[in-house]
Amino acid sequence: MAGIIGELRTRDPKERQGQIVDVLVDAFSDLMERSPAEFRRRFRKMASDPFAFYRGSACLFYADIVHDDDPWADERTGRVWIQGDLHAQNFGTYMNDDGVFVFDVNDFDEAYVGHFTWDVKRLVASLALLAWQKALSDDDIRRLIETYVRAYVDQVRGFARHEGDERFALTLDNAEGHVREVLIAAMSGTRIGLLAGKTVVEGHERRFKAGPGVRRLDDAERSKVEAAYLEYLTTIPADKRFGGLTYQVKDVIGSSGFGIGSAGLSAYNILVEGNTQALENDVILSMKQGNVAAPSRVVGDARIREYFRDHGHRTAVSRRALQANTDPWLGYTRIDGVGYVVQELSPYEEDLDWSGLTEPEDMLSLLADLGRATAKIHCVSDSDSDHALVGFQVEDAISAAIGDDEAAFVEAMVAFGMGYAEVVRDDHRLFVDAFRNHAIPGL
């Protein structure tokens, strides 16, 4: 097979293992040094299966993909907003600022500006890995990838033909199948339920519970966090600001226990007053250190790099560009010169769960929805978007790059997804061998 996959398949295993170790160390050495125990736990999770390894090694994907042929990337389609770590589990629900439950791409920690194909390729490879672990045949995997890619192209073309792409969303009004089930599950979430799990009320005052992942702050650290919180408030767009009592701080803790990609990153939870004094309206905010976005490691454009003041700013700006009607609490700040992104811990977020999906026929409609959701984040243009970096109609550019007949594009994405999944399965074995034999420096 031509391209990067053919080159990787013929590379000496020891050479590839060395590259895997070098890429991981280059990406994470500072965080490993800061918290080696957290990274050992992260790497043990990655060692569990090829899909978990793929989820935790976006930096390796970009080290590879930057050398792959990409005839669909030009001066426009090579610089669009991308989610940056688009795998099959990075989808779920949120409640938009109109109070509507939406199924969409989630997790914008790796979001950046780059080739639109990078999101599509990362997704189809993850799909091939997930389907392989479910023991689906190559023919079935091909059909699933084709369904996703064709739905993506169809939705992009739909946006190009009609204005109003910012109004498109997968909601209870138009969702079917598994996506509708996820949205219905999200409806059962309540703010009081979230608060009951993380806080207690004593003497008519609410505060965070003690427990795993909860760290009380000394006066000096709390003062830094509260100062950063005040700076964050200035970054909330004027049209999303609440009035009245909202934003008064009630409690602050250090927190840990985030996902596989957050090892070594500092984080805090902040309990604030809601829009009334009723205890049930209190809101929990996450203030998490921004990580270095994996695509940024291979995008050399200084205009893009210099646009972001830090990785907290990048994460917030990227989410506003990629997601219509974003969290009204979304913003950013700094502590000791390090960027943090701030957002609500929402009771209405329900992640996409693949465990109950075992048959290809059960997955086809879901994959069509994932294709439409991916097209939406690439093409959406609404009042939250910042056009200083992407000043053109993305749907027109992508549609033109793919051409009138998408067959070549679809086939290329199928070949990449299935081929790179094979590479990842081999990489996983090499990674486990290196990790268990103490060949990763710093651990």
Protein backbone atom coordinates (compact mmCIF):
# COMPACT_ATOMS: atom_id res chain seq x y z
CA MET A 1 0.00 0.00 0.00
CA ALA A 2 1.32 3.43 -0.92
CA GLY A 3 1.73 6.26 1.53
CA ILE A 4 2.67 6.20 5.18
CA ILE A 5 0.91 2.91 5.90
CA GLY A 6 3.00 0.98 3.40
CA GLU A 7 6.15 2.51 4.85
CA LEU A 8 5.13 1.67 8.43
CA ARG A 9 4.27 -1.92 7.56
CA THR A 10 7.75 -2.55 6.23
CA ARG A 11 9.65 -0.74 8.99
CA ASP A 12 11.86 -2.82 11.28
CA PRO A 13 9.90 -3.50 14.53
CA LYS A 14 12.77 -2.38 16.75
CA GLU A 15 13.06 0.86 14.79
CA ARG A 16 9.31 1.44 15.09
CA GLN A 17 9.37 0.66 18.81
CA GLY A 18 12.12 3.21 19.26
CA GLN A 19 10.05 5.79 17.37
CA ILE A 20 6.99 5.08 19.54
CA VAL A 21 9.01 5.60 22.72
CA ASP A 22 10.68 8.74 21.36
CA VAL A 23 7.38 10.32 20.31
CA LEU A 24 5.71 9.59 23.66
CA VAL A 25 8.68 10.89 25.64
CA ASP A 26 8.96 14.02 23.50
CA ALA A 27 5.24 14.74 23.98
CA PHE A 28 4.94 13.95 27.67
CA SER A 29 8.37 14.13 29.35
CA ASP A 30 7.54 17.30 31.31
CA LEU A 31 4.28 15.84 32.59
CA MET A 32 5.92 12.48 33.30
CA GLU A 33 8.55 14.19 35.42
CA ARG A 34 5.84 16.09 37.25
CA SER A 35 3.68 13.03 37.95
CA PRO A 36 5.30 9.67 37.06
CA ALA A 37 2.69 7.71 39.05
CA GLU A 38 -0.17 9.24 37.03
CA PHE A 39 1.62 8.38 33.79
CA ARG A 40 2.21 4.81 34.87
CA ARG A 41 -1.54 4.53 35.43
CA ARG A 42 -2.20 6.18 32.07
CA PHE A 43 0.16 3.83 30.25
CA ARG A 44 -1.33 0.78 31.97
CA LYS A 45 -4.74 1.86 30.69
CA MET A 46 -3.23 2.27 27.22
CA ALA A 47 -1.70 -1.20 27.49
CA SER A 48 -5.11 -2.82 28.00
CA ASP A 49 -6.02 -3.07 24.29
CA PRO A 50 -5.18 -1.47 20.91
CA PHE A 51 -8.11 0.95 21.03
CA ALA A 52 -7.06 2.28 24.45
CA PHE A 53 -3.51 2.66 23.15
CA TYR A 54 -4.80 4.59 20.14
CA ARG A 55 -6.87 6.89 22.34
CA GLY A 56 -3.85 7.80 24.43
CA SER A 57 -1.33 8.22 21.63
CA ALA A 58 -2.68 11.00 19.40
CA CYS A 59 0.84 12.42 19.27
CA LEU A 60 2.02 9.26 17.47
CA PHE A 61 -0.86 9.48 14.99
CA TYR A 62 0.20 13.01 14.03
CA ALA A 63 3.86 12.07 13.83
CA ASP A 64 2.73 9.55 11.20
CA ILE A 65 -0.06 11.41 9.42
CA VAL A 66 2.03 14.48 8.65
CA HIS A 67 4.01 12.29 6.21
CA ASP A 68 0.94 10.78 4.52
CA ASP A 69 -0.22 11.85 1.08
CA ASP A 70 -3.18 14.24 1.28
CA PRO A 71 -4.41 15.36 -2.15
CA TRP A 72 -7.53 16.89 -0.53
CA ALA A 73 -5.57 19.42 1.54
CA ASP A 74 -4.99 22.75 -0.18
CA GLU A 75 -4.44 26.31 1.02
CA ARG A 76 -7.97 26.32 2.47
CA THR A 77 -8.83 22.74 3.43
CA GLY A 78 -5.42 22.35 5.03
CA ARG A 79 -6.27 25.01 7.61
CA VAL A 80 -9.76 24.43 9.05
CA TRP A 81 -10.83 24.01 12.65
CA ILE A 82 -10.50 20.34 13.63
CA GLN A 83 -11.38 18.46 16.81
CA GLY A 84 -7.88 16.97 16.77
CA ASP A 85 -8.58 13.66 18.53
CA LEU A 86 -11.65 12.40 16.77
CA HIS A 87 -12.06 8.77 17.77
CA ALA A 88 -15.23 6.73 18.04
CA GLN A 89 -15.79 7.48 21.73
CA ASN A 90 -15.41 11.26 21.53
CA PHE A 91 -19.10 11.88 20.93
CA GLY A 92 -21.88 12.55 23.38
CA THR A 93 -24.57 14.93 24.55
CA TYR A 94 -24.70 18.41 25.98
CA MET A 95 -27.41 20.97 26.68
CA ASN A 96 -26.92 24.06 24.54
CA ASP A 97 -27.61 27.57 25.76
CA ASP A 98 -31.13 27.36 24.33
CA GLY A 99 -31.88 24.49 26.72
CA VAL A 100 -31.91 21.86 23.93
CA PHE A 101 -30.21 18.47 24.27
CA VAL A 102 -27.71 18.01 21.43
CA PHE A 103 -25.67 14.99 20.33
CA ASP A 104 -22.32 16.15 19.04
CA VAL A 105 -18.58 15.75 19.05
CA ASN A 106 -17.16 16.35 22.52
CA ASP A 107 -13.73 16.77 24.15
CA PHE A 108 -11.90 19.68 22.54
CA ASP A 109 -8.60 19.37 24.43
CA GLU A 110 -6.70 18.60 21.19
CA ALA A 111 -8.60 21.01 18.93
CA TYR A 112 -6.53 23.06 16.51
CA VAL A 113 -6.37 24.26 12.91
CA GLY A 114 -5.23 21.69 10.35
CA HIS A 115 -6.26 19.33 7.53
CA PHE A 116 -9.93 18.38 7.61
CA THR A 117 -8.88 14.87 6.57
CA TRP A 118 -6.97 14.40 9.83
CA ASP A 119 -10.24 14.23 11.78
CA VAL A 120 -11.80 11.87 9.25
CA LYS A 121 -8.75 9.59 9.14
CA ARG A 122 -8.41 9.44 12.91
CA LEU A 123 -12.08 8.53 13.25
CA VAL A 124 -12.10 5.79 10.60
CA ALA A 125 -8.98 4.16 12.03
CA SER A 126 -10.56 4.16 15.49
CA LEU A 127 -13.71 2.64 14.01
CA ALA A 128 -11.69 -0.12 12.36
CA LEU A 129 -9.97 -0.86 15.69
CA LEU A 130 -13.23 -0.92 17.61
CA ALA A 131 -14.92 -3.15 15.03
CA TRP A 132 -11.94 -5.53 14.95
CA GLN A 133 -12.17 -5.90 18.73
CA LYS A 134 -15.83 -6.83 18.24
CA ALA A 135 -14.65 -9.55 15.78
CA LEU A 136 -16.38 -8.00 12.77
CA SER A 137 -15.22 -9.03 9.32
CA ASP A 138 -13.17 -6.84 6.99
CA ASP A 139 -16.19 -6.55 4.69
CA ASP A 140 -18.32 -5.29 7.56
CA ILE A 141 -15.61 -2.85 8.68
CA ARG A 142 -15.38 -1.52 5.13
CA ARG A 143 -19.15 -1.01 5.02
CA LEU A 144 -19.15 0.83 8.35
CA ILE A 145 -16.38 3.20 7.29
CA GLU A 146 -18.04 3.85 3.94
CA THR A 147 -21.30 4.73 5.73
CA TYR A 148 -19.53 7.24 7.97
CA VAL A 149 -17.54 8.89 5.17
CA ARG A 150 -20.45 9.13 2.72
CA ALA A 151 -22.65 10.68 5.41
CA TYR A 152 -19.87 13.18 6.13
CA VAL A 153 -19.58 14.14 2.45
CA ASP A 154 -23.36 14.34 1.98
CA GLN A 155 -23.70 16.67 4.96
CA VAL A 156 -20.84 18.90 3.79
CA ARG A 157 -22.50 19.18 0.37
CA GLY A 158 -25.82 19.96 2.08
CA PHE A 159 -24.20 22.81 3.97
CA ALA A 160 -22.66 24.08 0.73
CA ARG A 161 -26.08 24.12 -0.98
CA HIS A 162 -28.04 25.72 1.86
CA GLU A 163 -27.32 28.49 4.32
CA GLY A 164 -27.96 28.05 8.02
CA ASP A 165 -25.52 25.27 8.89
CA GLU A 166 -25.15 26.79 12.37
CA ARG A 167 -28.74 25.73 13.04
CA PHE A 168 -28.12 22.07 12.21
CA ALA A 169 -27.95 19.76 15.23
CA LEU A 170 -28.77 16.17 16.14
CA THR A 171 -31.55 16.56 18.71
CA LEU A 172 -34.57 14.67 19.99
CA ASP A 173 -36.53 16.18 17.10
CA ASN A 174 -34.51 14.46 14.36
CA ALA A 175 -32.35 11.74 15.95
CA GLU A 176 -33.10 8.06 15.57
CA GLY A 177 -31.69 4.76 16.78
CA HIS A 178 -28.79 4.75 19.20
CA VAL A 179 -28.24 8.51 19.11
CA ARG A 180 -31.82 9.07 20.22
CA GLU A 181 -31.29 6.59 23.07
CA VAL A 182 -28.22 8.52 24.25
CA LEU A 183 -30.17 11.78 24.15
CA ILE A 184 -33.03 10.24 26.14
CA ALA A 185 -30.54 8.96 28.72
CA ALA A 186 -29.11 12.49 29.07
CA MET A 187 -32.58 13.81 29.89
CA SER A 188 -32.56 11.96 33.21
CA GLY A 189 -29.58 13.95 34.48
CA THR A 190 -30.27 16.62 37.07
CA ARG A 191 -28.18 19.37 38.60
CA ILE A 192 -29.26 18.32 42.08
CA GLY A 193 -28.10 14.77 41.35
CA LEU A 194 -24.65 16.00 40.28
CA LEU A 195 -24.42 18.21 43.36
CA ALA A 196 -25.47 15.36 45.65
CA GLY A 197 -22.64 13.22 44.30
CA LYS A 198 -19.90 15.82 44.75
CA THR A 199 -21.01 18.12 47.57
CA VAL A 200 -22.62 18.24 51.02
CA VAL A 201 -24.76 20.87 52.73
CA GLU A 202 -23.82 21.83 56.26
CA GLY A 203 -25.25 24.78 58.15
CA HIS A 204 -27.20 25.89 55.08
CA GLU A 205 -23.97 26.12 53.08
CA ARG A 206 -22.85 23.78 50.31
CA ARG A 207 -19.23 22.64 49.96
CA PHE A 208 -17.33 19.88 48.19
CA LYS A 209 -17.18 16.42 49.74
CA ALA A 210 -13.87 14.90 50.78
CA GLY A 211 -12.89 11.79 48.87
CA PRO A 212 -10.65 10.31 46.17
CA GLY A 213 -9.41 12.93 43.72
CA VAL A 214 -10.29 15.81 46.08
CA ARG A 215 -7.52 18.00 47.52
CA ARG A 216 -8.04 20.90 49.91
CA LEU A 217 -5.99 24.01 49.12
CA ASP A 218 -3.87 26.12 51.43
CA ASP A 219 -4.58 29.86 51.59
CA ALA A 220 -1.89 30.80 49.07
CA GLU A 221 -3.04 28.32 46.41
CA ARG A 222 -6.69 29.17 46.91
CA SER A 223 -5.90 32.88 46.48
CA LYS A 224 -4.19 32.10 43.16
CA VAL A 225 -7.19 30.10 41.96
CA GLU A 226 -9.67 32.78 43.00
CA ALA A 227 -7.62 35.45 41.23
CA ALA A 228 -7.57 33.28 38.11
CA TYR A 229 -11.34 32.84 38.46
CA LEU A 230 -11.85 36.61 38.41
CA GLU A 231 -9.72 36.83 35.25
CA TYR A 232 -11.78 34.01 33.70
CA LEU A 233 -15.01 35.97 34.21
CA THR A 234 -13.74 38.64 31.81
CA THR A 235 -13.42 36.04 29.03
CA ILE A 236 -17.11 35.07 28.98
CA PRO A 237 -18.73 36.73 25.93
CA ALA A 238 -21.06 39.58 26.87
CA ASP A 239 -24.07 37.87 25.30
CA LYS A 240 -23.56 34.81 27.50
CA ARG A 241 -23.13 36.60 30.82
CA PHE A 242 -25.62 35.89 33.59
CA GLY A 243 -26.77 38.58 35.98
CA GLY A 244 -27.77 38.78 39.60
CA LEU A 245 -26.10 36.50 42.13
CA THR A 246 -24.37 34.23 39.64
CA TYR A 247 -20.60 33.64 39.83
CA GLN A 248 -20.10 34.07 43.61
CA VAL A 249 -17.52 31.48 44.76
CA LYS A 250 -18.64 29.08 47.51
CA ASP A 251 -15.82 26.49 47.59
CA VAL A 252 -12.65 25.49 45.71
CA ILE A 253 -10.72 22.20 45.61
CA GLY A 254 -7.89 20.64 43.64
CA SER A 255 -9.18 17.74 41.56
CA SER A 256 -7.90 14.73 39.65
CA GLY A 257 -9.31 11.62 38.02
CA PHE A 258 -9.98 13.00 34.54
CA GLY A 259 -9.69 10.89 31.40
CA ILE A 260 -6.79 9.01 29.86
CA GLY A 261 -5.37 12.15 28.25
CA SER A 262 -5.19 14.34 31.37
CA ALA A 263 -2.40 12.66 33.35
CA GLY A 264 -0.09 15.19 34.93
CA LEU A 265 -2.32 18.18 34.24
CA SER A 266 -3.37 20.42 37.11
CA ALA A 267 -7.09 20.94 37.72
CA TYR A 268 -9.50 22.55 40.15
CA ASN A 269 -13.25 22.41 40.77
CA ILE A 270 -15.02 25.61 41.78
CA LEU A 271 -18.48 25.66 43.37
CA VAL A 272 -20.34 28.87 42.52
CA GLU A 273 -23.71 30.40 43.17
CA GLY A 274 -26.28 29.77 40.47
CA ASN A 275 -28.87 32.27 39.31
CA THR A 276 -30.69 32.15 42.67
CA GLN A 277 -29.80 31.49 46.30
CA ALA A 278 -31.58 28.13 46.11
CA LEU A 279 -28.99 25.45 46.89
CA GLU A 280 -30.24 23.31 44.02
CA ASN A 281 -29.06 25.95 41.53
CA ASP A 282 -25.39 25.88 42.53
CA VAL A 283 -22.97 25.21 39.66
CA ILE A 284 -19.69 23.27 39.59
CA LEU A 285 -16.99 24.58 37.26
CA SER A 286 -13.90 22.73 36.08
CA MET A 287 -10.70 24.79 35.75
CA LYS A 288 -8.24 22.46 33.97
CA GLN A 289 -4.77 23.10 32.66
CA GLY A 290 -4.70 23.14 28.87
CA ASN A 291 -2.53 20.49 27.25
CA VAL A 292 -0.37 20.86 24.16
CA ALA A 293 -2.70 19.97 21.27
CA ALA A 294 -1.40 16.96 19.36
CA PRO A 295 -1.91 18.54 15.90
CA SER A 296 0.06 21.62 16.98
CA ARG A 297 3.17 19.44 17.14
CA VAL A 298 3.16 19.03 13.34
CA VAL A 299 1.54 22.28 12.14
CA GLY A 300 4.38 24.71 11.54
CA ASP A 301 2.29 27.79 10.66
CA ALA A 302 3.42 30.56 13.01
CA ARG A 303 0.23 32.54 12.36
CA ILE A 304 -1.78 29.77 13.97
CA ARG A 305 0.60 29.18 16.85
CA GLU A 306 0.88 32.86 17.71
CA TYR A 307 -2.87 33.42 17.59
CA PHE A 308 -3.35 31.51 20.86
CA ARG A 309 -2.03 33.11 24.01
CA ASP A 310 -1.83 29.68 25.72
CA HIS A 311 -3.46 26.24 25.62
CA GLY A 312 -6.36 27.21 27.84
CA HIS A 313 -7.21 30.03 25.44
CA ARG A 314 -6.76 27.68 22.47
CA THR A 315 -9.14 25.09 23.94
CA ALA A 316 -11.89 27.60 24.66
CA VAL A 317 -11.59 29.43 21.32
CA SER A 318 -11.53 26.13 19.43
CA ARG A 319 -14.63 24.84 21.16
CA ARG A 320 -16.50 28.03 20.36
CA ALA A 321 -15.51 27.64 16.71
CA LEU A 322 -16.45 23.96 16.50
CA GLN A 323 -19.62 23.77 18.58
CA ALA A 324 -22.73 25.86 18.07
CA ASN A 325 -24.43 27.39 21.13
CA THR A 326 -21.58 26.52 23.46
CA ASP A 327 -21.60 26.25 27.23
CA PRO A 328 -22.33 29.77 28.56
CA TRP A 329 -19.75 29.14 31.29
CA LEU A 330 -16.93 28.46 28.82
CA GLY A 331 -13.85 30.65 29.23
CA TYR A 332 -10.15 30.62 30.03
CA THR A 333 -7.58 31.99 32.46
CA ARG A 334 -4.00 31.61 33.71
CA ILE A 335 -2.29 30.49 36.89
CA ASP A 336 1.45 31.23 37.17
CA GLY A 337 1.51 31.93 33.44
CA VAL A 338 -0.02 28.56 32.53
CA GLY A 339 -3.28 28.45 30.56
CA TYR A 340 -6.45 26.86 31.95
CA VAL A 341 -9.81 26.24 30.31
CA VAL A 342 -12.93 26.75 32.42
CA GLN A 343 -16.28 25.09 31.77
CA GLU A 344 -19.26 23.71 33.63
CA LEU A 345 -19.35 20.17 34.95
CA SER A 346 -22.72 19.48 33.40
CA PRO A 347 -25.25 16.88 34.57
CA TYR A 348 -26.53 16.65 31.01
CA GLU A 349 -23.48 15.07 29.39
CA GLU A 350 -23.87 11.45 28.33
CA ASP A 351 -20.98 9.82 26.47
CA LEU A 352 -21.50 7.51 23.52
CA ASP A 353 -21.21 3.92 24.76
CA TRP A 354 -20.37 1.25 22.18
CA SER A 355 -20.50 -1.74 24.56
CA GLY A 356 -24.07 -2.70 23.68
CA LEU A 357 -23.50 -2.39 19.93
CA THR A 358 -22.35 -5.76 18.60
CA GLU A 359 -23.84 -6.17 15.12
CA PRO A 360 -22.98 -4.11 12.02
CA GLU A 361 -26.64 -3.46 11.27
CA ASP A 362 -27.01 -1.83 14.69
CA MET A 363 -24.11 0.51 13.95
CA LEU A 364 -24.93 1.80 10.46
CA SER A 365 -27.42 4.51 11.41
CA LEU A 366 -25.16 5.59 14.28
CA LEU A 367 -22.21 5.97 11.91
CA ALA A 368 -24.29 8.05 9.53
CA ASP A 369 -25.04 10.36 12.46
CA LEU A 370 -21.37 10.50 13.42
CA GLY A 371 -20.54 11.49 9.85
CA ARG A 372 -23.10 14.29 9.96
CA ALA A 373 -21.83 15.45 13.35
CA THR A 374 -18.26 15.57 12.04
CA ALA A 375 -19.31 17.60 9.00
CA LYS A 376 -21.15 20.00 11.29
CA ILE A 377 -18.13 20.82 13.46
CA HIS A 378 -16.00 21.44 10.38
CA CYS A 379 -18.55 23.63 8.64
CA VAL A 380 -20.51 25.37 11.37
CA SER A 381 -20.37 29.17 11.40
CA ASP A 382 -22.30 30.88 14.16
CA SER A 383 -22.06 33.76 16.57
CA ASP A 384 -19.61 31.79 18.75
CA SER A 385 -17.12 31.23 15.94
CA ASP A 386 -13.92 33.23 15.59
CA HIS A 387 -13.09 33.79 11.92
CA ALA A 388 -9.68 35.39 12.30
CA LEU A 389 -7.94 32.09 11.45
CA VAL A 390 -10.48 30.53 9.08
CA GLY A 391 -11.91 33.29 6.91
CA PHE A 392 -13.76 31.28 4.25
CA GLN A 393 -16.75 28.97 3.83
CA VAL A 394 -15.35 25.62 4.90
CA GLU A 395 -18.16 23.60 3.32
CA ASP A 396 -17.48 25.13 -0.10
CA ALA A 397 -13.76 24.46 0.20
CA ILE A 398 -14.13 20.83 1.32
CA SER A 399 -16.80 20.08 -1.27
CA ALA A 400 -14.59 21.49 -4.03
CA ALA A 401 -11.55 19.57 -2.81
CA ILE A 402 -13.43 16.25 -2.80
CA GLY A 403 -14.91 16.93 -6.23
CA ASP A 404 -18.18 15.93 -7.83
CA ASP A 405 -17.54 12.21 -7.38
CA GLU A 406 -16.55 11.28 -3.84
CA ALA A 407 -15.69 7.67 -4.71
CA ALA A 408 -11.93 8.25 -4.64
CA PHE A 409 -12.15 10.09 -1.32
CA VAL A 410 -14.30 7.37 0.25
CA GLU A 411 -11.99 4.60 -0.96
CA ALA A 412 -8.92 6.41 0.31
CA MET A 413 -10.48 6.84 3.77
CA VAL A 414 -11.49 3.16 3.87
CA ALA A 415 -7.99 2.06 2.90
CA PHE A 416 -6.40 4.36 5.46
CA GLY A 417 -8.74 3.33 8.28
CA MET A 418 -8.27 -0.39 7.77
CA GLY A 419 -4.54 -0.12 7.07
CA TYR A 420 -3.69 2.18 9.97
CA ALA A 421 -5.71 0.02 12.37
CA GLU A 422 -3.36 -2.85 11.50
CA VAL A 423 -0.39 -0.60 12.22
CA VAL A 424 -1.88 0.38 15.58
CA ARG A 425 -2.41 -3.25 16.59
CA ASP A 426 1.28 -3.89 15.94
CA ASP A 427 2.24 -0.63 17.68
CA HIS A 428 0.24 -1.66 20.73
CA ARG A 429 2.29 -4.84 21.11
CA LEU A 430 5.52 -2.88 20.72
CA PHE A 431 4.37 -0.31 23.28
CA VAL A 432 3.42 -2.97 25.84
CA ASP A 433 6.76 -4.68 25.35
CA ALA A 434 8.63 -1.39 25.87
CA PHE A 435 6.56 -0.38 28.91
CA ARG A 436 6.73 -3.69 30.75
CA ASN A 437 10.47 -3.93 30.16
CA HIS A 438 11.12 -0.40 31.53
CA ALA A 439 12.22 0.98 28.16
CA ILE A 440 10.30 4.26 28.51
CA PRO A 441 12.52 6.84 30.25
CA GLY A 442 10.96 8.67 33.18
CA LEU A 443 8.74 5.83 34.33
